[in-house]
PDB file of all heavy atoms in Angstrom:
ATOM      1  N   CYS A   1      17.963 -13.057  -8.489  1.00  0.00           N
ATOM      2  CA  CYS A   1      17.935 -11.590  -8.470  1.00  0.00           C
ATOM      3  C   CYS A   1      19.324 -10.967  -8.583  1.00  0.00           C
ATOM      4  O   CYS A   1      19.462  -9.831  -9.039  1.00  0.00           O
ATOM      5  CB  CYS A   1      17.251 -11.097  -7.194  1.00  0.00           C
ATOM      6  SG  CYS A   1      15.478 -11.464  -7.136  1.00  0.00           S
ATOM      7  N   ALA A   2      20.361 -11.700  -8.169  1.00  0.00           N
ATOM      8  CA  ALA A   2      21.729 -11.182  -8.281  1.00  0.00           C
ATOM      9  C   ALA A   2      22.447 -11.700  -9.524  1.00  0.00           C
ATOM     10  O   ALA A   2      23.610 -11.367  -9.749  1.00  0.00           O
ATOM     11  CB  ALA A   2      22.532 -11.573  -7.039  1.00  0.00           C
ATOM     12  N   SER A   3      21.759 -12.510 -10.323  1.00  0.00           N
ATOM     13  CA  SER A   3      22.362 -13.103 -11.540  1.00  0.00           C
ATOM     14  C   SER A   3      23.716 -13.737 -11.235  1.00  0.00           C
ATOM     15  O   SER A   3      24.718 -13.477 -11.897  1.00  0.00           O
ATOM     16  CB  SER A   3      22.515 -12.037 -12.628  1.00  0.00           C
ATOM     17  OG  SER A   3      21.245 -11.573 -13.056  1.00  0.00           O
ATOM     18  N   CYS A   4      23.725 -14.574 -10.196  1.00  0.00           N
ATOM     19  CA  CYS A   4      24.961 -15.260  -9.821  1.00  0.00           C
ATOM     20  C   CYS A   4      24.658 -16.706  -9.466  1.00  0.00           C
ATOM     21  O   CYS A   4      23.490 -17.119  -9.408  1.00  0.00           O
ATOM     22  CB  CYS A   4      25.622 -14.558  -8.625  1.00  0.00           C
ATOM     23  SG  CYS A   4      24.730 -14.725  -7.061  1.00  0.00           S
ATOM     24  N   VAL A   5      25.700 -17.487  -9.247  1.00  0.00           N
ATOM     25  CA  VAL A   5      25.560 -18.859  -8.777  1.00  0.00           C
ATOM     26  C   VAL A   5      25.805 -18.865  -7.266  1.00  0.00           C
ATOM     27  O   VAL A   5      26.764 -18.245  -6.785  1.00  0.00           O
ATOM     28  CB  VAL A   5      26.568 -19.800  -9.475  1.00  0.00           C
ATOM     29  CG1 VAL A   5      26.464 -21.221  -8.910  1.00  0.00           C
ATOM     30  CG2 VAL A   5      26.317 -19.818 -10.980  1.00  0.00           C
ATOM     31  N   VAL A   6      24.945 -19.541  -6.515  1.00  0.00           N
ATOM     32  CA  VAL A   6      25.128 -19.708  -5.077  1.00  0.00           C
ATOM     33  C   VAL A   6      25.470 -21.165  -4.806  1.00  0.00           C
ATOM     34  O   VAL A   6      24.658 -22.052  -5.080  1.00  0.00           O
ATOM     35  CB  VAL A   6      23.878 -19.294  -4.279  1.00  0.00           C
ATOM     36  CG1 VAL A   6      24.085 -19.570  -2.794  1.00  0.00           C
ATOM     37  CG2 VAL A   6      23.552 -17.817  -4.515  1.00  0.00           C
ATOM     38  N   VAL A   7      26.674 -21.400  -4.305  1.00  0.00           N
ATOM     39  CA  VAL A   7      27.108 -22.753  -3.949  1.00  0.00           C
ATOM     40  C   VAL A   7      27.042 -22.850  -2.440  1.00  0.00           C
ATOM     41  O   VAL A   7      27.840 -22.263  -1.723  1.00  0.00           O
ATOM     42  CB  VAL A   7      28.534 -23.039  -4.442  1.00  0.00           C
ATOM     43  CG1 VAL A   7      28.936 -24.486  -4.104  1.00  0.00           C
ATOM     44  CG2 VAL A   7      28.629 -22.807  -5.951  1.00  0.00           C
ATOM     45  N   ARG A   8      26.071 -23.597  -1.957  1.00  0.00           N
ATOM     46  CA  ARG A   8      25.829 -23.680  -0.510  1.00  0.00           C
ATOM     47  C   ARG A   8      26.378 -24.984   0.062  1.00  0.00           C
ATOM     48  O   ARG A   8      26.069 -26.072  -0.414  1.00  0.00           O
ATOM     49  CB  ARG A   8      24.335 -23.614  -0.230  1.00  0.00           C
ATOM     50  CG  ARG A   8      23.986 -23.675   1.245  1.00  0.00           C
ATOM     51  CD  ARG A   8      22.677 -24.387   1.456  1.00  0.00           C
ATOM     52  NE  ARG A   8      22.189 -24.263   2.830  1.00  0.00           N
ATOM     53  CZ  ARG A   8      21.185 -24.991   3.309  1.00  0.00           C
ATOM     54  NH1 ARG A   8      20.560 -25.846   2.544  1.00  0.00           N
ATOM     55  NH2 ARG A   8      20.814 -24.859   4.563  1.00  0.00           N
ATOM     56  N   ALA A   9      27.227 -24.859   1.094  1.00  0.00           N
ATOM     57  CA  ALA A   9      27.753 -26.020   1.823  1.00  0.00           C
ATOM     58  C   ALA A   9      27.151 -25.999   3.220  1.00  0.00           C
ATOM     59  O   ALA A   9      27.433 -25.098   4.010  1.00  0.00           O
ATOM     60  CB  ALA A   9      29.274 -25.977   1.893  1.00  0.00           C
ATOM     61  N   ASN A  10      26.300 -26.985   3.526  1.00  0.00           N
ATOM     62  CA  ASN A  10      25.628 -27.034   4.828  1.00  0.00           C
ATOM     63  C   ASN A  10      26.083 -28.256   5.606  1.00  0.00           C
ATOM     64  O   ASN A  10      26.310 -29.331   5.038  1.00  0.00           O
ATOM     65  CB  ASN A  10      24.112 -27.077   4.639  1.00  0.00           C
ATOM     66  CG  ASN A  10      23.365 -26.833   5.933  1.00  0.00           C
ATOM     67  OD1 ASN A  10      23.673 -25.916   6.691  1.00  0.00           O
ATOM     68  ND2 ASN A  10      22.359 -27.656   6.205  1.00  0.00           N
ATOM     69  N   ARG A  11      26.182 -28.115   6.904  1.00  0.00           N
ATOM     70  CA  ARG A  11      26.685 -29.178   7.771  1.00  0.00           C
ATOM     71  C   ARG A  11      25.706 -30.322   7.911  1.00  0.00           C
ATOM     72  O   ARG A  11      24.488 -30.157   7.732  1.00  0.00           O
ATOM     73  CB  ARG A  11      26.975 -28.606   9.164  1.00  0.00           C
ATOM     74  CG  ARG A  11      28.196 -29.214   9.825  1.00  0.00           C
ATOM     75  CD  ARG A  11      28.219 -28.940  11.322  1.00  0.00           C
ATOM     76  NE  ARG A  11      27.886 -30.151  12.056  1.00  0.00           N
ATOM     77  CZ  ARG A  11      28.133 -30.336  13.354  1.00  0.00           C
ATOM     78  NH1 ARG A  11      28.673 -29.380  14.068  1.00  0.00           N
ATOM     79  NH2 ARG A  11      27.827 -31.463  13.935  1.00  0.00           N
ATOM     80  N   ILE A  12      26.217 -31.517   8.228  1.00  0.00           N
ATOM     81  CA  ILE A  12      25.406 -32.644   8.632  1.00  0.00           C
ATOM     82  C   ILE A  12      25.776 -33.032  10.066  1.00  0.00           C
ATOM     83  O   ILE A  12      26.687 -32.468  10.657  1.00  0.00           O
ATOM     84  CB  ILE A  12      25.595 -33.857   7.691  1.00  0.00           C
ATOM     85  CG1 ILE A  12      27.082 -34.226   7.569  1.00  0.00           C
ATOM     86  CG2 ILE A  12      25.003 -33.580   6.331  1.00  0.00           C
ATOM     87  CD1 ILE A  12      27.336 -35.511   6.796  1.00  0.00           C
ATOM     88  N   GLY A  13      25.056 -34.021  10.624  1.00  0.00           N
ATOM     89  CA  GLY A  13      25.349 -34.489  11.965  1.00  0.00           C
ATOM     90  C   GLY A  13      24.368 -33.928  12.980  1.00  0.00           C
ATOM     91  O   GLY A  13      23.276 -33.472  12.637  1.00  0.00           O
ATOM     92  N   ALA A  14      24.750 -33.968  14.256  1.00  0.00           N
ATOM     93  CA  ALA A  14      23.864 -33.532  15.324  1.00  0.00           C
ATOM     94  C   ALA A  14      24.680 -33.050  16.515  1.00  0.00           C
ATOM     95  O   ALA A  14      25.838 -33.402  16.670  1.00  0.00           O
ATOM     96  CB  ALA A  14      22.936 -34.677  15.743  1.00  0.00           C
ATOM     97  N   TYR A  15      24.026 -32.236  17.353  1.00  0.00           N
ATOM     98  CA  TYR A  15      24.611 -31.793  18.613  1.00  0.00           C
ATOM     99  C   TYR A  15      23.567 -31.931  19.706  1.00  0.00           C
ATOM    100  O   TYR A  15      22.430 -31.448  19.558  1.00  0.00           O
ATOM    101  CB  TYR A  15      25.084 -30.337  18.514  1.00  0.00           C
ATOM    102  CG  TYR A  15      25.534 -29.768  19.841  1.00  0.00           C
ATOM    103  CD1 TYR A  15      26.747 -30.163  20.404  1.00  0.00           C
ATOM    104  CD2 TYR A  15      24.740 -28.863  20.544  1.00  0.00           C
ATOM    105  CE1 TYR A  15      27.157 -29.660  21.628  1.00  0.00           C
ATOM    106  CE2 TYR A  15      25.142 -28.358  21.767  1.00  0.00           C
ATOM    107  CZ  TYR A  15      26.350 -28.764  22.303  1.00  0.00           C
ATOM    108  OH  TYR A  15      26.748 -28.277  23.515  1.00  0.00           O
ATOM    109  N   ARG A  16      23.926 -32.604  20.797  1.00  0.00           N
ATOM    110  CA  ARG A  16      23.014 -32.809  21.907  1.00  0.00           C
ATOM    111  C   ARG A  16      23.289 -31.757  22.987  1.00  0.00           C
ATOM    112  O   ARG A  16      24.345 -31.754  23.609  1.00  0.00           O
ATOM    113  CB  ARG A  16      23.167 -34.217  22.474  1.00  0.00           C
ATOM    114  CG  ARG A  16      22.080 -34.598  23.489  1.00  0.00           C
ATOM    115  CD  ARG A  16      22.225 -36.056  23.917  1.00  0.00           C
ATOM    116  NE  ARG A  16      22.167 -36.953  22.801  1.00  0.00           N
ATOM    117  CZ  ARG A  16      21.018 -37.398  22.239  1.00  0.00           C
ATOM    118  NH1 ARG A  16      19.857 -36.978  22.733  1.00  0.00           N
ATOM    119  NH2 ARG A  16      21.046 -38.222  21.227  1.00  0.00           N
ATOM    120  N   GLN A  17      22.333 -30.857  23.190  1.00  0.00           N
ATOM    121  CA  GLN A  17      22.470 -29.756  24.155  1.00  0.00           C
ATOM    122  C   GLN A  17      21.750 -30.111  25.456  1.00  0.00           C
ATOM    123  O   GLN A  17      20.607 -30.562  25.438  1.00  0.00           O
ATOM    124  CB  GLN A  17      21.883 -28.478  23.578  1.00  0.00           C
ATOM    125  CG  GLN A  17      22.036 -27.262  24.484  1.00  0.00           C
ATOM    126  CD  GLN A  17      21.364 -26.026  23.906  1.00  0.00           C
ATOM    127  OE1 GLN A  17      20.626 -26.117  22.913  1.00  0.00           O
ATOM    128  NE2 GLN A  17      21.617 -24.865  24.498  1.00  0.00           N
ATOM    129  N   ILE A  18      22.429 -29.916  26.573  1.00  0.00           N
ATOM    130  CA  ILE A  18      21.840 -30.127  27.885  1.00  0.00           C
ATOM    131  C   ILE A  18      21.399 -28.787  28.450  1.00  0.00           C
ATOM    132  O   ILE A  18      22.198 -27.860  28.581  1.00  0.00           O
ATOM    133  CB  ILE A  18      22.837 -30.796  28.858  1.00  0.00           C
ATOM    134  CG1 ILE A  18      23.393 -32.095  28.244  1.00  0.00           C
ATOM    135  CG2 ILE A  18      22.170 -31.070  30.191  1.00  0.00           C
ATOM    136  CD1 ILE A  18      22.352 -33.150  27.978  1.00  0.00           C
ATOM    137  N   ILE A  19      20.111 -28.669  28.777  1.00  0.00           N
ATOM    138  CA  ILE A  19      19.552 -27.435  29.304  1.00  0.00           C
ATOM    139  C   ILE A  19      19.038 -27.700  30.712  1.00  0.00           C
ATOM    140  O   ILE A  19      18.226 -28.594  30.930  1.00  0.00           O
ATOM    141  CB  ILE A  19      18.401 -26.921  28.419  1.00  0.00           C
ATOM    142  CG1 ILE A  19      18.904 -26.681  26.980  1.00  0.00           C
ATOM    143  CG2 ILE A  19      17.830 -25.619  28.992  1.00  0.00           C
ATOM    144  CD1 ILE A  19      17.808 -26.319  26.004  1.00  0.00           C
ATOM    145  N   VAL A  20      19.531 -26.901  31.686  1.00  0.00           N
ATOM    146  CA  VAL A  20      19.100 -27.038  33.074  1.00  0.00           C
ATOM    147  C   VAL A  20      18.276 -25.811  33.456  1.00  0.00           C
ATOM    148  O   VAL A  20      18.775 -24.680  33.442  1.00  0.00           O
ATOM    149  CB  VAL A  20      20.293 -27.197  34.036  1.00  0.00           C
ATOM    150  CG1 VAL A  20      19.803 -27.326  35.468  1.00  0.00           C
ATOM    151  CG2 VAL A  20      21.133 -28.409  33.632  1.00  0.00           C
ATOM    152  N   GLU A  21      17.006 -26.038  33.812  1.00  0.00           N
ATOM    153  CA  GLU A  21      16.109 -24.963  34.201  1.00  0.00           C
ATOM    154  C   GLU A  21      15.328 -25.393  35.447  1.00  0.00           C
ATOM    155  O   GLU A  21      14.692 -26.450  35.448  1.00  0.00           O
ATOM    156  CB  GLU A  21      15.131 -24.620  33.072  1.00  0.00           C
ATOM    157  CG  GLU A  21      15.787 -24.002  31.852  1.00  0.00           C
ATOM    158  CD  GLU A  21      14.789 -23.700  30.747  1.00  0.00           C
ATOM    159  OE1 GLU A  21      13.731 -24.368  30.707  1.00  0.00           O
ATOM    160  OE2 GLU A  21      15.060 -22.788  29.959  1.00  0.00           O
ATOM    161  N   GLU A  22      15.407 -24.569  36.486  1.00  0.00           N
ATOM    162  CA  GLU A  22      14.686 -24.841  37.742  1.00  0.00           C
ATOM    163  C   GLU A  22      14.980 -26.263  38.237  1.00  0.00           C
ATOM    164  O   GLU A  22      14.068 -27.042  38.534  1.00  0.00           O
ATOM    165  CB  GLU A  22      13.188 -24.636  37.532  1.00  0.00           C
ATOM    166  CG  GLU A  22      12.809 -23.208  37.164  1.00  0.00           C
ATOM    167  CD  GLU A  22      11.326 -23.009  36.986  1.00  0.00           C
ATOM    168  OE1 GLU A  22      10.590 -24.020  37.043  1.00  0.00           O
ATOM    169  OE2 GLU A  22      10.901 -21.851  36.788  1.00  0.00           O
ATOM    170  N   ASN A  23      16.283 -26.575  38.296  1.00  0.00           N
ATOM    171  CA  ASN A  23      16.783 -27.854  38.793  1.00  0.00           C
ATOM    172  C   ASN A  23      16.313 -29.060  37.974  1.00  0.00           C
ATOM    173  O   ASN A  23      16.376 -30.200  38.430  1.00  0.00           O
ATOM    174  CB  ASN A  23      16.371 -28.062  40.259  1.00  0.00           C
ATOM    175  CG  ASN A  23      16.960 -27.002  41.162  1.00  0.00           C
ATOM    176  OD1 ASN A  23      18.114 -26.596  40.981  1.00  0.00           O
ATOM    177  ND2 ASN A  23      16.174 -26.533  42.134  1.00  0.00           N
ATOM    178  N   GLN A  24      15.857 -28.785  36.759  1.00  0.00           N
ATOM    179  CA  GLN A  24      15.440 -29.875  35.885  1.00  0.00           C
ATOM    180  C   GLN A  24      16.318 -29.903  34.642  1.00  0.00           C
ATOM    181  O   GLN A  24      16.530 -28.866  34.010  1.00  0.00           O
ATOM    182  CB  GLN A  24      13.972 -29.706  35.480  1.00  0.00           C
ATOM    183  CG  GLN A  24      13.446 -30.877  34.637  1.00  0.00           C
ATOM    184  CD  GLN A  24      11.953 -30.741  34.365  1.00  0.00           C
ATOM    185  OE1 GLN A  24      11.311 -29.820  34.857  1.00  0.00           O
ATOM    186  NE2 GLN A  24      11.396 -31.664  33.594  1.00  0.00           N
ATOM    187  N   LYS A  25      16.844 -31.090  34.327  1.00  0.00           N
ATOM    188  CA  LYS A  25      17.744 -31.236  33.179  1.00  0.00           C
ATOM    189  C   LYS A  25      16.956 -31.744  31.980  1.00  0.00           C
ATOM    190  O   LYS A  25      16.242 -32.751  32.067  1.00  0.00           O
ATOM    191  CB  LYS A  25      18.873 -32.207  33.505  1.00  0.00           C
ATOM    192  CG  LYS A  25      19.880 -32.377  32.365  1.00  0.00           C
ATOM    193  CD  LYS A  25      20.883 -33.477  32.660  1.00  0.00           C
ATOM    194  CE  LYS A  25      21.809 -33.117  33.800  1.00  0.00           C
ATOM    195  NZ  LYS A  25      22.871 -34.143  33.968  1.00  0.00           N
ATOM    196  N   ASN A  26      17.108 -31.054  30.857  1.00  0.00           N
ATOM    197  CA  ASN A  26      16.463 -31.466  29.612  1.00  0.00           C
ATOM    198  C   ASN A  26      17.502 -31.553  28.505  1.00  0.00           C
ATOM    199  O   ASN A  26      18.495 -30.812  28.502  1.00  0.00           O
ATOM    200  CB  ASN A  26      15.369 -30.472  29.201  1.00  0.00           C
ATOM    201  CG  ASN A  26      14.247 -30.408  30.210  1.00  0.00           C
ATOM    202  OD1 ASN A  26      13.641 -31.416  30.524  1.00  0.00           O
ATOM    203  ND2 ASN A  26      13.980 -29.209  30.736  1.00  0.00           N
ATOM    204  N   GLU A  27      17.272 -32.457  27.576  1.00  0.00           N
ATOM    205  CA  GLU A  27      18.133 -32.608  26.417  1.00  0.00           C
ATOM    206  C   GLU A  27      17.433 -32.057  25.182  1.00  0.00           C
ATOM    207  O   GLU A  27      16.231 -32.271  24.998  1.00  0.00           O
ATOM    208  CB  GLU A  27      18.514 -34.070  26.198  1.00  0.00           C
ATOM    209  CG  GLU A  27      19.463 -34.619  27.235  1.00  0.00           C
ATOM    210  CD  GLU A  27      20.011 -35.983  26.841  1.00  0.00           C
ATOM    211  OE1 GLU A  27      19.622 -36.488  25.772  1.00  0.00           O
ATOM    212  OE2 GLU A  27      20.829 -36.521  27.588  1.00  0.00           O
ATOM    213  N   PHE A  28      18.228 -31.356  24.362  1.00  0.00           N
ATOM    214  CA  PHE A  28      17.689 -30.806  23.120  1.00  0.00           C
ATOM    215  C   PHE A  28      18.632 -31.218  21.993  1.00  0.00           C
ATOM    216  O   PHE A  28      19.834 -30.974  22.057  1.00  0.00           O
ATOM    217  CB  PHE A  28      17.583 -29.291  23.205  1.00  0.00           C
ATOM    218  CG  PHE A  28      16.920 -28.662  22.021  1.00  0.00           C
ATOM    219  CD1 PHE A  28      15.550 -28.676  21.895  1.00  0.00           C
ATOM    220  CD2 PHE A  28      17.672 -28.080  21.011  1.00  0.00           C
ATOM    221  CE1 PHE A  28      14.924 -28.098  20.797  1.00  0.00           C
ATOM    222  CE2 PHE A  28      17.074 -27.502  19.913  1.00  0.00           C
ATOM    223  CZ  PHE A  28      15.685 -27.510  19.805  1.00  0.00           C
ATOM    224  N   LEU A  29      18.092 -31.842  20.964  1.00  0.00           N
ATOM    225  CA  LEU A  29      18.912 -32.357  19.869  1.00  0.00           C
ATOM    226  C   LEU A  29      18.832 -31.428  18.658  1.00  0.00           C
ATOM    227  O   LEU A  29      17.750 -31.192  18.119  1.00  0.00           O
ATOM    228  CB  LEU A  29      18.471 -33.766  19.478  1.00  0.00           C
ATOM    229  CG  LEU A  29      19.359 -34.494  18.463  1.00  0.00           C
ATOM    230  CD1 LEU A  29      20.747 -34.743  19.069  1.00  0.00           C
ATOM    231  CD2 LEU A  29      18.714 -35.799  18.024  1.00  0.00           C
ATOM    232  N   TRP A  30      19.994 -30.892  18.277  1.00  0.00           N
ATOM    233  CA  TRP A  30      20.106 -30.096  17.056  1.00  0.00           C
ATOM    234  C   TRP A  30      20.518 -31.031  15.910  1.00  0.00           C
ATOM    235  O   TRP A  30      21.591 -31.628  15.949  1.00  0.00           O
ATOM    236  CB  TRP A  30      21.165 -29.010  17.217  1.00  0.00           C
ATOM    237  CG  TRP A  30      20.938 -28.025  18.318  1.00  0.00           C
ATOM    238  CD1 TRP A  30      20.926 -28.278  19.663  1.00  0.00           C
ATOM    239  CD2 TRP A  30      20.698 -26.624  18.166  1.00  0.00           C
ATOM    240  NE1 TRP A  30      20.704 -27.121  20.359  1.00  0.00           N
ATOM    241  CE2 TRP A  30      20.556 -26.090  19.474  1.00  0.00           C
ATOM    242  CE3 TRP A  30      20.592 -25.775  17.070  1.00  0.00           C
ATOM    243  CZ2 TRP A  30      20.323 -24.738  19.699  1.00  0.00           C
ATOM    244  CZ3 TRP A  30      20.367 -24.429  17.299  1.00  0.00           C
ATOM    245  CH2 TRP A  30      20.229 -23.926  18.603  1.00  0.00           C
ATOM    246  N   LYS A  31      19.695 -31.141  14.886  1.00  0.00           N
ATOM    247  CA  LYS A  31      20.005 -31.988  13.737  1.00  0.00           C
ATOM    248  C   LYS A  31      20.325 -31.115  12.529  1.00  0.00           C
ATOM    249  O   LYS A  31      19.546 -30.235  12.169  1.00  0.00           O
ATOM    250  CB  LYS A  31      18.816 -32.906  13.408  1.00  0.00           C
ATOM    251  CG  LYS A  31      18.501 -33.929  14.492  1.00  0.00           C
ATOM    252  CD  LYS A  31      17.328 -34.810  14.063  1.00  0.00           C
ATOM    253  CE  LYS A  31      17.004 -35.844  15.119  1.00  0.00           C
ATOM    254  NZ  LYS A  31      15.857 -36.702  14.727  1.00  0.00           N
ATOM    255  N   PHE A  32      21.463 -31.373  11.946  1.00  0.00           N
ATOM    256  CA  PHE A  32      21.908 -30.629  10.758  1.00  0.00           C
ATOM    257  C   PHE A  32      21.712 -31.518   9.538  1.00  0.00           C
ATOM    258  O   PHE A  32      22.303 -32.587   9.445  1.00  0.00           O
ATOM    259  CB  PHE A  32      23.362 -30.198  10.925  1.00  0.00           C
ATOM    260  CG  PHE A  32      23.621 -29.510  12.240  1.00  0.00           C
ATOM    261  CD1 PHE A  32      24.338 -30.142  13.241  1.00  0.00           C
ATOM    262  CD2 PHE A  32      23.116 -28.252  12.487  1.00  0.00           C
ATOM    263  CE1 PHE A  32      24.565 -29.529  14.464  1.00  0.00           C
ATOM    264  CE2 PHE A  32      23.331 -27.618  13.711  1.00  0.00           C
ATOM    265  CZ  PHE A  32      24.055 -28.258  14.697  1.00  0.00           C
ATOM    266  N   TYR A  33      20.900 -31.067   8.611  1.00  0.00           N
ATOM    267  CA  TYR A  33      20.360 -31.957   7.575  1.00  0.00           C
ATOM    268  C   TYR A  33      21.137 -31.956   6.254  1.00  0.00           C
ATOM    269  O   TYR A  33      20.798 -32.691   5.331  1.00  0.00           O
ATOM    270  CB  TYR A  33      18.903 -31.597   7.296  1.00  0.00           C
ATOM    271  CG  TYR A  33      18.675 -30.135   6.961  1.00  0.00           C
ATOM    272  CD1 TYR A  33      18.970 -29.615   5.711  1.00  0.00           C
ATOM    273  CD2 TYR A  33      18.147 -29.277   7.917  1.00  0.00           C
ATOM    274  CE1 TYR A  33      18.765 -28.288   5.411  1.00  0.00           C
ATOM    275  CE2 TYR A  33      17.922 -27.935   7.629  1.00  0.00           C
ATOM    276  CZ  TYR A  33      18.219 -27.450   6.370  1.00  0.00           C
ATOM    277  OH  TYR A  33      18.023 -26.122   6.075  1.00  0.00           O
ATOM    278  N   GLY A  34      22.148 -31.109   6.114  1.00  0.00           N
ATOM    279  CA  GLY A  34      22.882 -31.096   4.856  1.00  0.00           C
ATOM    280  C   GLY A  34      22.142 -30.344   3.767  1.00  0.00           C
ATOM    281  O   GLY A  34      21.892 -29.145   3.888  1.00  0.00           O
ATOM    282  N   ASP A  35      21.807 -31.024   2.700  1.00  0.00           N
ATOM    283  CA  ASP A  35      21.169 -30.410   1.532  1.00  0.00           C
ATOM    284  C   ASP A  35      22.052 -29.318   0.928  1.00  0.00           C
ATOM    285  O   ASP A  35      21.575 -28.251   0.538  1.00  0.00           O
ATOM    286  CB  ASP A  35      19.788 -29.852   1.857  1.00  0.00           C
ATOM    287  CG  ASP A  35      18.952 -29.587   0.598  1.00  0.00           C
ATOM    288  OD1 ASP A  35      19.142 -30.327  -0.395  1.00  0.00           O
ATOM    289  OD2 ASP A  35      18.125 -28.660   0.601  1.00  0.00           O
ATOM    290  N   SER A  36      23.354 -29.587   0.861  1.00  0.00           N
ATOM    291  CA  SER A  36      24.252 -28.687   0.120  1.00  0.00           C
ATOM    292  C   SER A  36      23.846 -28.722  -1.351  1.00  0.00           C
ATOM    293  O   SER A  36      23.555 -29.788  -1.892  1.00  0.00           O
ATOM    294  CB  SER A  36      25.703 -29.143   0.281  1.00  0.00           C
ATOM    295  OG  SER A  36      26.090 -29.096   1.648  1.00  0.00           O
ATOM    296  N   PHE A  37      23.845 -27.549  -1.986  1.00  0.00           N
ATOM    297  CA  PHE A  37      23.333 -27.508  -3.359  1.00  0.00           C
ATOM    298  C   PHE A  37      23.973 -26.373  -4.144  1.00  0.00           C
ATOM    299  O   PHE A  37      24.701 -25.537  -3.585  1.00  0.00           O
ATOM    300  CB  PHE A  37      21.809 -27.380  -3.378  1.00  0.00           C
ATOM    301  CG  PHE A  37      21.256 -26.197  -2.637  1.00  0.00           C
ATOM    302  CD1 PHE A  37      21.450 -24.891  -3.078  1.00  0.00           C
ATOM    303  CD2 PHE A  37      20.496 -26.382  -1.484  1.00  0.00           C
ATOM    304  CE1 PHE A  37      20.942 -23.804  -2.403  1.00  0.00           C
ATOM    305  CE2 PHE A  37      19.962 -25.294  -0.786  1.00  0.00           C
ATOM    306  CZ  PHE A  37      20.184 -24.011  -1.252  1.00  0.00           C
ATOM    307  N   VAL A  38      23.647 -26.328  -5.430  1.00  0.00           N
ATOM    308  CA  VAL A  38      24.040 -25.247  -6.324  1.00  0.00           C
ATOM    309  C   VAL A  38      22.773 -24.592  -6.851  1.00  0.00           C
ATOM    310  O   VAL A  38      21.938 -25.260  -7.480  1.00  0.00           O
ATOM    311  CB  VAL A  38      24.898 -25.757  -7.491  1.00  0.00           C
ATOM    312  CG1 VAL A  38      25.234 -24.617  -8.445  1.00  0.00           C
ATOM    313  CG2 VAL A  38      26.177 -26.407  -6.978  1.00  0.00           C
ATOM    314  N   ALA A  39      22.605 -23.287  -6.564  1.00  0.00           N
ATOM    315  CA  ALA A  39      21.480 -22.519  -7.090  1.00  0.00           C
ATOM    316  C   ALA A  39      21.976 -21.679  -8.265  1.00  0.00           C
ATOM    317  O   ALA A  39      22.967 -20.961  -8.146  1.00  0.00           O
ATOM    318  CB  ALA A  39      20.880 -21.627  -6.001  1.00  0.00           C
ATOM    319  N   LEU A  40      21.284 -21.766  -9.384  1.00  0.00           N
ATOM    320  CA  LEU A  40      21.707 -21.115 -10.621  1.00  0.00           C
ATOM    321  C   LEU A  40      21.038 -19.750 -10.818  1.00  0.00           C
ATOM    322  O   LEU A  40      19.987 -19.482 -10.218  1.00  0.00           O
ATOM    323  CB  LEU A  40      21.387 -22.017 -11.808  1.00  0.00           C
ATOM    324  CG  LEU A  40      22.068 -23.392 -11.829  1.00  0.00           C
ATOM    325  CD1 LEU A  40      21.573 -24.207 -13.018  1.00  0.00           C
ATOM    326  CD2 LEU A  40      23.579 -23.244 -11.871  1.00  0.00           C
ATOM    327  N   PRO A  41      21.595 -18.900 -11.687  1.00  0.00           N
ATOM    328  CA  PRO A  41      21.012 -17.578 -11.933  1.00  0.00           C
ATOM    329  C   PRO A  41      19.625 -17.621 -12.579  1.00  0.00           C
ATOM    330  O   PRO A  41      18.971 -16.582 -12.655  1.00  0.00           O
ATOM    331  CB  PRO A  41      22.032 -16.913 -12.876  1.00  0.00           C
ATOM    332  CG  PRO A  41      23.292 -17.636 -12.653  1.00  0.00           C
ATOM    333  CD  PRO A  41      22.903 -19.050 -12.347  1.00  0.00           C
ATOM    334  N   ASN A  42      19.188 -18.774 -13.060  1.00  0.00           N
ATOM    335  CA  ASN A  42      17.825 -18.868 -13.590  1.00  0.00           C
ATOM    336  C   ASN A  42      16.815 -19.251 -12.509  1.00  0.00           C
ATOM    337  O   ASN A  42      15.642 -19.507 -12.791  1.00  0.00           O
ATOM    338  CB  ASN A  42      17.756 -19.854 -14.748  1.00  0.00           C
ATOM    339  CG  ASN A  42      18.106 -21.281 -14.347  1.00  0.00           C
ATOM    340  OD1 ASN A  42      18.380 -21.543 -13.170  1.00  0.00           O
ATOM    341  ND2 ASN A  42      18.086 -22.189 -15.294  1.00  0.00           N
TER     342      ASN A  42
END
């Protein structure tokens, strides 16, 4: 729609978040999947 090229750089890897709620500790894993790409005007 913008007749441009979009060059996307996305992160990879993971981050382990510790969440404490009502004296209970939980782990939450954020996974970054990459898929960096080039989107064309077509």
